[in-house]
C-alpha atoms as a PDB file:
ATOM      1  CA  MET A   1       9.915 -19.652   8.680  1.00  0.00           C
ATOM      2  CA  GLY A   2      10.378 -22.310   6.283  1.00  0.00           C
ATOM      3  CA  ARG A   3       8.386 -23.758   3.584  1.00  0.00           C
ATOM      4  CA  LYS A   4       5.132 -24.986   3.263  1.00  0.00           C
ATOM      5  CA  LEU A   5       3.148 -28.012   1.095  1.00  0.00           C
ATOM      6  CA  ILE A   6      -0.106 -28.155  -0.443  1.00  0.00           C
ATOM      7  CA  ILE A   7      -1.327 -31.312  -1.450  1.00  0.00           C
ATOM      8  CA  ASP A   8      -4.496 -30.573  -3.955  1.00  0.00           C
ATOM      9  CA  GLY A   9      -5.246 -34.052  -5.481  1.00  0.00           C
ATOM     10  CA  ASN A  10      -2.213 -35.505  -7.324  1.00  0.00           C
ATOM     11  CA  ALA A  11      -0.951 -31.331  -7.735  1.00  0.00           C
ATOM     12  CA  VAL A  12       1.642 -30.595  -4.702  1.00  0.00           C
ATOM     13  CA  TYR A  13       2.356 -26.895  -4.552  1.00  0.00           C
ATOM     14  CA  GLU A  14       5.646 -25.503  -2.000  1.00  0.00           C
ATOM     15  CA  LEU A  15       5.178 -21.888  -0.990  1.00  0.00           C
ATOM     16  CA  ASP A  16       7.692 -20.015   0.970  1.00  0.00           C
ATOM     17  CA  GLU A  17       6.494 -18.299   3.697  1.00  0.00           C
ATOM     18  CA  ASN A  18       9.412 -15.262   4.014  1.00  0.00           C
ATOM     19  CA  CYS A  19       8.898 -14.669   0.453  1.00  0.00           C
ATOM     20  CA  MET A  20       4.792 -14.285   1.342  1.00  0.00           C
ATOM     21  CA  LEU A  21       5.722 -12.436   3.959  1.00  0.00           C
ATOM     22  CA  LYS A  22       7.928  -9.618   2.401  1.00  0.00           C
ATOM     23  CA  LYS A  23       5.387  -9.836  -0.335  1.00  0.00           C
ATOM     24  CA  ARG A  24       2.563  -8.812   2.070  1.00  0.00           C
ATOM     25  CA  LEU A  25       4.850  -6.024   3.683  1.00  0.00           C
ATOM     26  CA  GLU A  26       5.770  -4.612   0.566  1.00  0.00           C
ATOM     27  CA  ASP A  27       2.203  -4.500   0.114  1.00  0.00           C
ATOM     28  CA  VAL A  28       1.832  -2.333   3.099  1.00  0.00           C
ATOM     29  CA  GLN A  29       4.262   0.099   2.518  1.00  0.00           C
ATOM     30  CA  THR A  30       2.459   1.088  -1.075  1.00  0.00           C
ATOM     31  CA  GLU A  31      -0.637   1.183   0.478  1.00  0.00           C
ATOM     32  CA  LYS A  32       0.908   3.588   3.212  1.00  0.00           C
ATOM     33  CA  ASN A  33       3.040   5.214   0.534  1.00  0.00           C
ATOM     34  CA  GLN A  34      -0.694   5.296  -1.369  1.00  0.00           C
ATOM     35  CA  MET A  35      -2.408   6.978   2.271  1.00  0.00           C
ATOM     36  CA  GLU A  36       0.741  10.089   2.699  1.00  0.00           C
ATOM     37  CA  GLU A  37       0.453  10.708  -1.132  1.00  0.00           C
ATOM     38  CA  ARG A  38      -3.446  11.358  -0.840  1.00  0.00           C
ATOM     39  CA  ARG A  39      -2.886  13.553   1.871  1.00  0.00           C
ATOM     40  CA  ARG A  40      -0.450  15.516   0.806  1.00  0.00           C
ATOM     41  CA  THR A  41      -2.468  16.093  -2.353  1.00  0.00           C
ATOM     42  CA  GLN A  42      -5.900  17.337  -0.402  1.00  0.00           C
ATOM     43  CA  GLU A  43      -3.678  19.369   2.004  1.00  0.00           C
ATOM     44  CA  ASN A  44      -2.372  21.168  -1.589  1.00  0.00           C
ATOM     45  CA  LEU A  45      -5.288  21.677  -2.609  1.00  0.00           C
ATOM     46  CA  ASN A  46      -6.866  23.251   1.199  1.00  0.00           C
ATOM     47  CA  GLU A  47      -3.569  25.223   0.700  1.00  0.00           C
ATOM     48  CA  TYR A  48      -4.975  26.359  -2.810  1.00  0.00           C
ATOM     49  CA  LYS A  49      -7.993  26.924  -2.256  1.00  0.00           C
ATOM     50  CA  ARG A  50      -6.858  29.135   1.258  1.00  0.00           C
ATOM     51  CA  MET A  51      -5.316  31.083  -1.276  1.00  0.00           C
ATOM     52  CA  LEU A  52      -8.180  31.618  -3.966  1.00  0.00           C
ATOM     53  CA  ARG A  53     -10.788  32.914  -0.668  1.00  0.00           C
ATOM     54  CA  MET A  54      -7.610  35.256   0.008  1.00  0.00           C
ATOM     55  CA  ARG A  55      -7.653  36.447  -3.345  1.00  0.00           C
ATOM     56  CA  GLN A  56     -10.952  37.213  -3.448  1.00  0.00           C
ATOM     57  CA  GLY A  57     -11.864  39.490  -0.727  1.00  0.00           C
END
């Protein structure tokens, strides 16, 4: 990949596709990490509830 130029009237923007791809991959990894953390939190909560039920009888 390389770079792209975007011309908007008198303004010209240069996009670095490698940088954009790297940022997108980081965002996806962050999202995966957050989902995994939520899953672990829910598992811990379920385990805690199970322990409380066992104590109660």
